[in-house]
């Protein structure tokens, strides 16, 4: 199993995310688990602080492909721009 993450800044609402892990990591038979959290950047700190805000965030669909990519439908649960982190466990 391997663990990965990717940050998205300034996203809102529902969107489709494509993540490329490479053909040596992902194919159509790979198990891909994902979670989502909002991240913040306190003054003078990096954008690296997870927190639970008012938005109810969800990952609706996950589909791995033989070319090493994964397609996800993500909903930030918020109409204004937010910063999120998607974390993946791949087996």
PDB file of N, CA and C in Angstrom:
ATOM      1  N   UNK A   1       0.842  -1.178   0.000  1.00  0.00           N
ATOM      2  CA  UNK A   1       0.000   0.000   0.000  1.00  0.00           C
ATOM      3  C   UNK A   1       0.886   1.240   0.000  1.00  0.00           C
ATOM      4  N   UNK A   2       0.440   2.248  -0.738  1.00  0.00           N
ATOM      5  CA  UNK A   2       1.162   3.520  -0.742  1.00  0.00           C
ATOM      6  C   UNK A   2       0.195   4.642  -0.422  1.00  0.00           C
ATOM      7  N   UNK A   3       0.743   5.695   0.158  1.00  0.00           N
ATOM      8  CA  UNK A   3      -0.058   6.857   0.557  1.00  0.00           C
ATOM      9  C   UNK A   3       0.393   8.074  -0.238  1.00  0.00           C
ATOM     10  N   UNK A   4      -0.580   8.865  -0.704  1.00  0.00           N
ATOM     11  CA  UNK A   4      -0.318  10.026  -1.536  1.00  0.00           C
ATOM     12  C   UNK A   4      -1.250  11.145  -1.116  1.00  0.00           C
ATOM     13  N   UNK A   5      -0.929  12.375  -1.515  1.00  0.00           N
ATOM     14  CA  UNK A   5      -1.882  13.467  -1.354  1.00  0.00           C
ATOM     15  C   UNK A   5      -1.634  14.533  -2.404  1.00  0.00           C
ATOM     16  N   UNK A   6      -2.685  15.320  -2.628  1.00  0.00           N
ATOM     17  CA  UNK A   6      -2.603  16.451  -3.547  1.00  0.00           C
ATOM     18  C   UNK A   6      -3.470  17.565  -2.978  1.00  0.00           C
ATOM     19  N   UNK A   7      -2.968  18.789  -3.056  1.00  0.00           N
ATOM     20  CA  UNK A   7      -3.702  19.956  -2.560  1.00  0.00           C
ATOM     21  C   UNK A   7      -4.307  20.718  -3.734  1.00  0.00           C
ATOM     22  N   UNK A   8      -5.521  21.214  -3.522  1.00  0.00           N
ATOM     23  CA  UNK A   8      -6.191  22.084  -4.484  1.00  0.00           C
ATOM     24  C   UNK A   8      -6.493  23.400  -3.773  1.00  0.00           C
ATOM     25  N   UNK A   9      -6.151  24.501  -4.400  1.00  0.00           N
ATOM     26  CA  UNK A   9      -6.425  25.808  -3.794  1.00  0.00           C
ATOM     27  C   UNK A   9      -7.481  26.541  -4.604  1.00  0.00           C
ATOM     28  N   UNK A  10      -8.354  27.223  -3.896  1.00  0.00           N
ATOM     29  CA  UNK A  10      -9.350  28.059  -4.535  1.00  0.00           C
ATOM     30  C   UNK A  10     -10.399  27.316  -5.336  1.00  0.00           C
ATOM     31  N   UNK A  11     -10.796  26.126  -4.871  1.00  0.00           N
ATOM     32  CA  UNK A  11     -11.836  25.371  -5.568  1.00  0.00           C
ATOM     33  C   UNK A  11     -13.169  25.551  -4.851  1.00  0.00           C
ATOM     34  N   UNK A  12     -14.257  25.323  -5.579  1.00  0.00           N
ATOM     35  CA  UNK A  12     -15.577  25.448  -4.966  1.00  0.00           C
ATOM     36  C   UNK A  12     -16.563  24.524  -5.661  1.00  0.00           C
ATOM     37  N   UNK A  13     -17.626  24.189  -4.947  1.00  0.00           N
ATOM     38  CA  UNK A  13     -18.679  23.362  -5.508  1.00  0.00           C
ATOM     39  C   UNK A  13     -18.199  21.979  -5.904  1.00  0.00           C
ATOM     40  N   UNK A  14     -18.884  21.403  -6.876  1.00  0.00           N
ATOM     41  CA  UNK A  14     -18.547  20.062  -7.360  1.00  0.00           C
ATOM     42  C   UNK A  14     -17.654  20.172  -8.586  1.00  0.00           C
ATOM     43  N   UNK A  15     -16.635  19.313  -8.665  1.00  0.00           N
ATOM     44  CA  UNK A  15     -15.751  19.307  -9.825  1.00  0.00           C
ATOM     45  C   UNK A  15     -15.167  17.923 -10.036  1.00  0.00           C
ATOM     46  N   UNK A  16     -14.648  17.689 -11.226  1.00  0.00           N
ATOM     47  CA  UNK A  16     -13.980  16.435 -11.561  1.00  0.00           C
ATOM     48  C   UNK A  16     -12.477  16.654 -11.425  1.00  0.00           C
ATOM     49  N   UNK A  17     -11.830  15.776 -10.685  1.00  0.00           N
ATOM     50  CA  UNK A  17     -10.375  15.843 -10.509  1.00  0.00           C
ATOM     51  C   UNK A  17      -9.735  14.636 -11.186  1.00  0.00           C
ATOM     52  N   UNK A  18      -8.691  14.882 -11.932  1.00  0.00           N
ATOM     53  CA  UNK A  18      -7.878  13.819 -12.522  1.00  0.00           C
ATOM     54  C   UNK A  18      -6.518  13.849 -11.833  1.00  0.00           C
ATOM     55  N   UNK A  19      -6.079  12.722 -11.320  1.00  0.00           N
ATOM     56  CA  UNK A  19      -4.783  12.627 -10.664  1.00  0.00           C
ATOM     57  C   UNK A  19      -3.982  11.534 -11.364  1.00  0.00           C
ATOM     58  N   UNK A  20      -2.741  11.835 -11.747  1.00  0.00           N
ATOM     59  CA  UNK A  20      -1.895  10.866 -12.438  1.00  0.00           C
ATOM     60  C   UNK A  20      -0.880  10.291 -11.459  1.00  0.00           C
ATOM     61  N   UNK A  21      -1.022   9.011 -11.158  1.00  0.00           N
ATOM     62  CA  UNK A  21      -0.088   8.323 -10.269  1.00  0.00           C
ATOM     63  C   UNK A  21       0.971   7.547 -11.039  1.00  0.00           C
ATOM     64  N   UNK A  22       0.757   7.332 -12.306  1.00  0.00           N
ATOM     65  CA  UNK A  22       1.695   6.581 -13.138  1.00  0.00           C
ATOM     66  C   UNK A  22       1.256   5.137 -13.308  1.00  0.00           C
ATOM     67  N   UNK A  23       1.665   4.522 -14.431  1.00  0.00           N
ATOM     68  CA  UNK A  23       1.237   3.164 -14.750  1.00  0.00           C
ATOM     69  C   UNK A  23       1.810   2.118 -13.806  1.00  0.00           C
ATOM     70  N   UNK A  24       2.912   2.415 -13.150  1.00  0.00           N
ATOM     71  CA  UNK A  24       3.476   1.466 -12.194  1.00  0.00           C
ATOM     72  C   UNK A  24       2.769   1.486 -10.852  1.00  0.00           C
ATOM     73  N   UNK A  25       1.832   2.406 -10.671  1.00  0.00           N
ATOM     74  CA  UNK A  25       1.144   2.565  -9.390  1.00  0.00           C
ATOM     75  C   UNK A  25      -0.335   2.194  -9.494  1.00  0.00           C
ATOM     76  N   UNK A  26      -0.986   2.631 -10.579  1.00  0.00           N
ATOM     77  CA  UNK A  26      -2.436   2.462 -10.722  1.00  0.00           C
ATOM     78  C   UNK A  26      -2.785   1.821 -12.057  1.00  0.00           C
ATOM     79  N   UNK A  27      -3.747   0.901 -12.019  1.00  0.00           N
ATOM     80  CA  UNK A  27      -4.403   0.389 -13.218  1.00  0.00           C
ATOM     81  C   UNK A  27      -5.866   0.149 -12.874  1.00  0.00           C
ATOM     82  N   UNK A  28      -6.633  -0.395 -13.802  1.00  0.00           N
ATOM     83  CA  UNK A  28      -8.077  -0.527 -13.587  1.00  0.00           C
ATOM     84  C   UNK A  28      -8.444  -1.481 -12.456  1.00  0.00           C
ATOM     85  N   UNK A  29      -7.502  -2.298 -12.003  1.00  0.00           N
ATOM     86  CA  UNK A  29      -7.768  -3.244 -10.917  1.00  0.00           C
ATOM     87  C   UNK A  29      -7.296  -2.735  -9.552  1.00  0.00           C
ATOM     88  N   UNK A  30      -6.731  -1.565  -9.502  1.00  0.00           N
ATOM     89  CA  UNK A  30      -6.173  -1.003  -8.274  1.00  0.00           C
ATOM     90  C   UNK A  30      -7.279  -0.539  -7.335  1.00  0.00           C
ATOM     91  N   UNK A  31      -7.092  -0.798  -6.052  1.00  0.00           N
ATOM     92  CA  UNK A  31      -7.986  -0.243  -5.036  1.00  0.00           C
ATOM     93  C   UNK A  31      -7.473   1.140  -4.666  1.00  0.00           C
ATOM     94  N   UNK A  32      -8.327   2.147  -4.835  1.00  0.00           N
ATOM     95  CA  UNK A  32      -7.969   3.524  -4.510  1.00  0.00           C
ATOM     96  C   UNK A  32      -8.988   4.041  -3.499  1.00  0.00           C
ATOM     97  N   UNK A  33      -8.516   4.392  -2.311  1.00  0.00           N
ATOM     98  CA  UNK A  33      -9.357   5.007  -1.288  1.00  0.00           C
ATOM     99  C   UNK A  33      -8.964   6.469  -1.184  1.00  0.00           C
ATOM    100  N   UNK A  34      -9.954   7.334  -0.996  1.00  0.00           N
ATOM    101  CA  UNK A  34      -9.663   8.767  -0.927  1.00  0.00           C
ATOM    102  C   UNK A  34     -10.445   9.409   0.211  1.00  0.00           C
ATOM    103  N   UNK A  35      -9.828  10.404   0.823  1.00  0.00           N
ATOM    104  CA  UNK A  35     -10.563  11.250   1.770  1.00  0.00           C
ATOM    105  C   UNK A  35     -10.251  12.705   1.452  1.00  0.00           C
ATOM    106  N   UNK A  36     -11.047  13.577   2.026  1.00  0.00           N
ATOM    107  CA  UNK A  36     -10.931  15.002   1.729  1.00  0.00           C
ATOM    108  C   UNK A  36     -10.982  15.783   3.037  1.00  0.00           C
ATOM    109  N   UNK A  37     -10.192  16.838   3.108  1.00  0.00           N
ATOM    110  CA  UNK A  37     -10.246  17.742   4.247  1.00  0.00           C
ATOM    111  C   UNK A  37      -9.947  19.160   3.773  1.00  0.00           C
ATOM    112  N   UNK A  38     -10.500  20.109   4.479  1.00  0.00           N
ATOM    113  CA  UNK A  38     -10.180  21.505   4.200  1.00  0.00           C
ATOM    114  C   UNK A  38      -8.851  21.827   4.873  1.00  0.00           C
ATOM    115  N   UNK A  39      -8.043  22.651   4.216  1.00  0.00           N
ATOM    116  CA  UNK A  39      -6.762  23.055   4.800  1.00  0.00           C
ATOM    117  C   UNK A  39      -6.700  24.581   4.866  1.00  0.00           C
ATOM    118  N   UNK A  40      -5.963  25.053   5.870  1.00  0.00           N
ATOM    119  CA  UNK A  40      -5.838  26.495   6.062  1.00  0.00           C
ATOM    120  C   UNK A  40      -4.372  26.883   6.135  1.00  0.00           C
ATOM    121  N   UNK A  41      -4.149  28.172   6.138  1.00  0.00           N
ATOM    122  CA  UNK A  41      -2.806  28.733   6.197  1.00  0.00           C
ATOM    123  C   UNK A  41      -2.798  29.862   7.212  1.00  0.00           C
ATOM    124  N   UNK A  42      -2.526  29.528   8.485  1.00  0.00           N
ATOM    125  CA  UNK A  42      -2.396  30.608   9.471  1.00  0.00           C
ATOM    126  C   UNK A  42      -1.290  31.577   9.058  1.00  0.00           C
ATOM    127  N   UNK A  43      -1.409  32.802   9.477  1.00  0.00           N
ATOM    128  CA  UNK A  43      -0.439  33.831   9.091  1.00  0.00           C
ATOM    129  C   UNK A  43       0.988  33.383   9.389  1.00  0.00           C
ATOM    130  N   UNK A  44       1.835  33.471   8.381  1.00  0.00           N
ATOM    131  CA  UNK A  44       3.236  33.120   8.536  1.00  0.00           C
ATOM    132  C   UNK A  44       3.525  31.632   8.470  1.00  0.00           C
ATOM    133  N   UNK A  45       2.514  30.811   8.236  1.00  0.00           N
ATOM    134  CA  UNK A  45       2.677  29.355   8.183  1.00  0.00           C
ATOM    135  C   UNK A  45       2.411  28.853   6.765  1.00  0.00           C
ATOM    136  N   UNK A  46       2.834  27.606   6.469  1.00  0.00           N
ATOM    137  CA  UNK A  46       2.518  27.043   5.152  1.00  0.00           C
ATOM    138  C   UNK A  46       1.050  26.621   5.082  1.00  0.00           C
ATOM    139  N   UNK A  47       0.545  26.409   3.869  1.00  0.00           N
ATOM    140  CA  UNK A  47      -0.814  25.918   3.653  1.00  0.00           C
ATOM    141  C   UNK A  47      -0.813  24.418   3.958  1.00  0.00           C
ATOM    142  N   UNK A  48      -0.930  24.086   5.238  1.00  0.00           N
ATOM    143  CA  UNK A  48      -0.716  22.700   5.639  1.00  0.00           C
ATOM    144  C   UNK A  48      -1.467  22.340   6.922  1.00  0.00           C
ATOM    145  N   UNK A  49      -2.527  23.059   7.259  1.00  0.00           N
ATOM    146  CA  UNK A  49      -3.221  22.826   8.519  1.00  0.00           C
ATOM    147  C   UNK A  49      -4.654  22.354   8.265  1.00  0.00           C
ATOM    148  N   UNK A  50      -4.913  21.027   8.405  1.00  0.00           N
ATOM    149  CA  UNK A  50      -6.262  20.515   8.201  1.00  0.00           C
ATOM    150  C   UNK A  50      -7.198  21.010   9.304  1.00  0.00           C
ATOM    151  N   UNK A  51      -8.456  21.240   8.921  1.00  0.00           N
ATOM    152  CA  UNK A  51      -9.452  21.598   9.925  1.00  0.00           C
ATOM    153  C   UNK A  51     -10.840  21.226   9.413  1.00  0.00           C
ATOM    154  N   UNK A  52     -11.800  21.197  10.306  1.00  0.00           N
ATOM    155  CA  UNK A  52     -13.184  20.926   9.944  1.00  0.00           C
ATOM    156  C   UNK A  52     -13.944  22.238  10.027  1.00  0.00           C
ATOM    157  N   UNK A  53     -14.350  22.739   8.870  1.00  0.00           N
ATOM    158  CA  UNK A  53     -15.113  23.979   8.810  1.00  0.00           C
ATOM    159  C   UNK A  53     -16.595  23.685   8.682  1.00  0.00           C
ATOM    160  N   UNK A  54     -17.347  24.630   8.165  1.00  0.00           N
ATOM    161  CA  UNK A  54     -18.798  24.493   8.040  1.00  0.00           C
ATOM    162  C   UNK A  54     -19.213  23.674   6.817  1.00  0.00           C
ATOM    163  N   UNK A  55     -18.324  23.526   5.848  1.00  0.00           N
ATOM    164  CA  UNK A  55     -18.661  22.791   4.627  1.00  0.00           C
ATOM    165  C   UNK A  55     -18.665  21.281   4.871  1.00  0.00           C
ATOM    166  N   UNK A  56     -19.631  20.591   4.272  1.00  0.00           N
ATOM    167  CA  UNK A  56     -19.667  19.129   4.286  1.00  0.00           C
ATOM    168  C   UNK A  56     -19.059  18.668   2.963  1.00  0.00           C
ATOM    169  N   UNK A  57     -17.817  18.189   3.010  1.00  0.00           N
ATOM    170  CA  UNK A  57     -17.072  17.838   1.802  1.00  0.00           C
ATOM    171  C   UNK A  57     -17.170  16.338   1.538  1.00  0.00           C
ATOM    172  N   UNK A  58     -17.277  15.971   0.246  1.00  0.00           N
ATOM    173  CA  UNK A  58     -17.445  14.560  -0.104  1.00  0.00           C
ATOM    174  C   UNK A  58     -16.688  14.209  -1.381  1.00  0.00           C
ATOM    175  N   UNK A  59     -16.280  12.955  -1.451  1.00  0.00           N
ATOM    176  CA  UNK A  59     -15.760  12.359  -2.678  1.00  0.00           C
ATOM    177  C   UNK A  59     -16.839  11.385  -3.140  1.00  0.00           C
ATOM    178  N   UNK A  60     -17.409  11.630  -4.328  1.00  0.00           N
ATOM    179  CA  UNK A  60     -18.542  10.836  -4.793  1.00  0.00           C
ATOM    180  C   UNK A  60     -18.145   9.600  -5.583  1.00  0.00           C
ATOM    181  N   UNK A  61     -17.190   9.693  -6.435  1.00  0.00           N
ATOM    182  CA  UNK A  61     -16.818   8.585  -7.305  1.00  0.00           C
ATOM    183  C   UNK A  61     -15.309   8.528  -7.450  1.00  0.00           C
ATOM    184  N   UNK A  62     -14.795   7.298  -7.587  1.00  0.00           N
ATOM    185  CA  UNK A  62     -13.367   7.095  -7.833  1.00  0.00           C
ATOM    186  C   UNK A  62     -13.240   6.023  -8.909  1.00  0.00           C
ATOM    187  N   UNK A  63     -12.527   6.335  -9.992  1.00  0.00           N
ATOM    188  CA  UNK A  63     -12.339   5.370 -11.073  1.00  0.00           C
ATOM    189  C   UNK A  63     -10.874   5.347 -11.498  1.00  0.00           C
ATOM    190  N   UNK A  64     -10.163   4.217 -11.258  1.00  0.00           N
ATOM    191  CA  UNK A  64      -8.775   4.090 -11.718  1.00  0.00           C
ATOM    192  C   UNK A  64      -8.725   3.574 -13.155  1.00  0.00           C
ATOM    193  N   UNK A  65      -7.714   4.008 -13.898  1.00  0.00           N
ATOM    194  CA  UNK A  65      -7.560   3.627 -15.301  1.00  0.00           C
ATOM    195  C   UNK A  65      -6.177   3.040 -15.548  1.00  0.00           C
ATOM    196  N   UNK A  66      -6.065   2.258 -16.632  1.00  0.00           N
ATOM    197  CA  UNK A  66      -4.809   1.583 -16.966  1.00  0.00           C
ATOM    198  C   UNK A  66      -3.668   2.534 -17.296  1.00  0.00           C
ATOM    199  N   UNK A  67      -3.969   3.776 -17.645  1.00  0.00           N
ATOM    200  CA  UNK A  67      -2.896   4.726 -17.966  1.00  0.00           C
ATOM    201  C   UNK A  67      -2.291   5.375 -16.715  1.00  0.00           C
ATOM    202  N   UNK A  68      -2.694   4.898 -15.514  1.00  0.00           N
ATOM    203  CA  UNK A  68      -2.128   5.411 -14.269  1.00  0.00           C
ATOM    204  C   UNK A  68      -2.881   6.574 -13.671  1.00  0.00           C
ATOM    205  N   UNK A  69      -3.983   6.984 -14.306  1.00  0.00           N
ATOM    206  CA  UNK A  69      -4.756   8.096 -13.786  1.00  0.00           C
ATOM    207  C   UNK A  69      -5.950   7.611 -12.972  1.00  0.00           C
ATOM    208  N   UNK A  70      -6.427   8.507 -12.124  1.00  0.00           N
ATOM    209  CA  UNK A  70      -7.629   8.256 -11.333  1.00  0.00           C
ATOM    210  C   UNK A  70      -8.539   9.462 -11.526  1.00  0.00           C
ATOM    211  N   UNK A  71      -9.802   9.186 -11.806  1.00  0.00           N
ATOM    212  CA  UNK A  71     -10.812  10.233 -11.955  1.00  0.00           C
ATOM    213  C   UNK A  71     -11.693  10.224 -10.710  1.00  0.00           C
ATOM    214  N   UNK A  72     -11.911  11.406 -10.126  1.00  0.00           N
ATOM    215  CA  UNK A  72     -12.755  11.535  -8.938  1.00  0.00           C
ATOM    216  C   UNK A  72     -13.768  12.640  -9.145  1.00  0.00           C
ATOM    217  N   UNK A  73     -14.942  12.468  -8.592  1.00  0.00           N
ATOM    218  CA  UNK A  73     -15.913  13.555  -8.511  1.00  0.00           C
ATOM    219  C   UNK A  73     -15.874  14.033  -7.064  1.00  0.00           C
ATOM    220  N   UNK A  74     -15.556  15.302  -6.888  1.00  0.00           N
ATOM    221  CA  UNK A  74     -15.345  15.892  -5.562  1.00  0.00           C
ATOM    222  C   UNK A  74     -16.349  17.021  -5.364  1.00  0.00           C
ATOM    223  N   UNK A  75     -16.877  17.123  -4.153  1.00  0.00           N
ATOM    224  CA  UNK A  75     -17.763  18.238  -3.829  1.00  0.00           C
ATOM    225  C   UNK A  75     -17.240  18.924  -2.576  1.00  0.00           C
ATOM    226  N   UNK A  76     -16.893  20.197  -2.702  1.00  0.00           N
ATOM    227  CA  UNK A  76     -16.365  20.940  -1.558  1.00  0.00           C
ATOM    228  C   UNK A  76     -17.467  21.333  -0.585  1.00  0.00           C
ATOM    229  N   UNK A  77     -18.717  21.263  -1.035  1.00  0.00           N
ATOM    230  CA  UNK A  77     -19.823  21.650  -0.173  1.00  0.00           C
ATOM    231  C   UNK A  77     -19.885  23.140   0.115  1.00  0.00           C
ATOM    232  N   UNK A  78     -19.192  23.916  -0.720  1.00  0.00           N
ATOM    233  CA  UNK A  78     -19.100  25.359  -0.455  1.00  0.00           C
ATOM    234  C   UNK A  78     -19.094  26.096  -1.775  1.00  0.00           C
ATOM    235  N   UNK A  79     -19.796  27.229  -1.853  1.00  0.00           N
ATOM    236  CA  UNK A  79     -19.870  27.968  -3.110  1.00  0.00           C
ATOM    237  C   UNK A  79     -18.733  28.975  -3.285  1.00  0.00           C
ATOM    238  N   UNK A  80     -18.053  29.312  -2.205  1.00  0.00           N
ATOM    239  CA  UNK A  80     -16.897  30.212  -2.282  1.00  0.00           C
ATOM    240  C   UNK A  80     -15.613  29.377  -2.349  1.00  0.00           C
ATOM    241  N   UNK A  81     -14.522  29.951  -2.874  1.00  0.00           N
ATOM    242  CA  UNK A  81     -13.274  29.200  -2.978  1.00  0.00           C
ATOM    243  C   UNK A  81     -12.733  28.742  -1.614  1.00  0.00           C
ATOM    244  N   UNK A  82     -12.318  27.479  -1.567  1.00  0.00           N
ATOM    245  CA  UNK A  82     -11.698  26.893  -0.377  1.00  0.00           C
ATOM    246  C   UNK A  82     -10.451  26.132  -0.809  1.00  0.00           C
ATOM    247  N   UNK A  83      -9.618  25.790   0.150  1.00  0.00           N
ATOM    248  CA  UNK A  83      -8.421  24.990  -0.090  1.00  0.00           C
ATOM    249  C   UNK A  83      -8.663  23.607   0.493  1.00  0.00           C
ATOM    250  N   UNK A  84      -8.388  22.574  -0.321  1.00  0.00           N
ATOM    251  CA  UNK A  84      -8.628  21.212   0.149  1.00  0.00           C
ATOM    252  C   UNK A  84      -7.412  20.330  -0.065  1.00  0.00           C
ATOM    253  N   UNK A  85      -7.386  19.250   0.660  1.00  0.00           N
ATOM    254  CA  UNK A  85      -6.365  18.202   0.469  1.00  0.00           C
ATOM    255  C   UNK A  85      -7.089  16.892   0.236  1.00  0.00           C
ATOM    256  N   UNK A  86      -6.739  16.228  -0.862  1.00  0.00           N
ATOM    257  CA  UNK A  86      -7.199  14.868  -1.106  1.00  0.00           C
ATOM    258  C   UNK A  86      -6.067  13.933  -0.732  1.00  0.00           C
ATOM    259  N   UNK A  87      -6.360  12.938   0.096  1.00  0.00           N
ATOM    260  CA  UNK A  87      -5.375  11.922   0.473  1.00  0.00           C
ATOM    261  C   UNK A  87      -5.824  10.597  -0.093  1.00  0.00           C
ATOM    262  N   UNK A  88      -4.847   9.791  -0.539  1.00  0.00           N
ATOM    263  CA  UNK A  88      -5.133   8.526  -1.200  1.00  0.00           C
ATOM    264  C   UNK A  88      -4.359   7.394  -0.542  1.00  0.00           C
ATOM    265  N   UNK A  89      -5.037   6.262  -0.392  1.00  0.00           N
ATOM    266  CA  UNK A  89      -4.392   4.988  -0.037  1.00  0.00           C
ATOM    267  C   UNK A  89      -4.577   4.084  -1.246  1.00  0.00           C
ATOM    268  N   UNK A  90      -3.477   3.603  -1.798  1.00  0.00           N
ATOM    269  CA  UNK A  90      -3.516   2.831  -3.037  1.00  0.00           C
ATOM    270  C   UNK A  90      -2.929   1.451  -2.772  1.00  0.00           C
ATOM    271  N   UNK A  91      -3.682   0.444  -3.193  1.00  0.00           N
ATOM    272  CA  UNK A  91      -3.243  -0.952  -2.983  1.00  0.00           C
ATOM    273  C   UNK A  91      -3.472  -1.742  -4.248  1.00  0.00           C
TER     274      UNK A  91
END
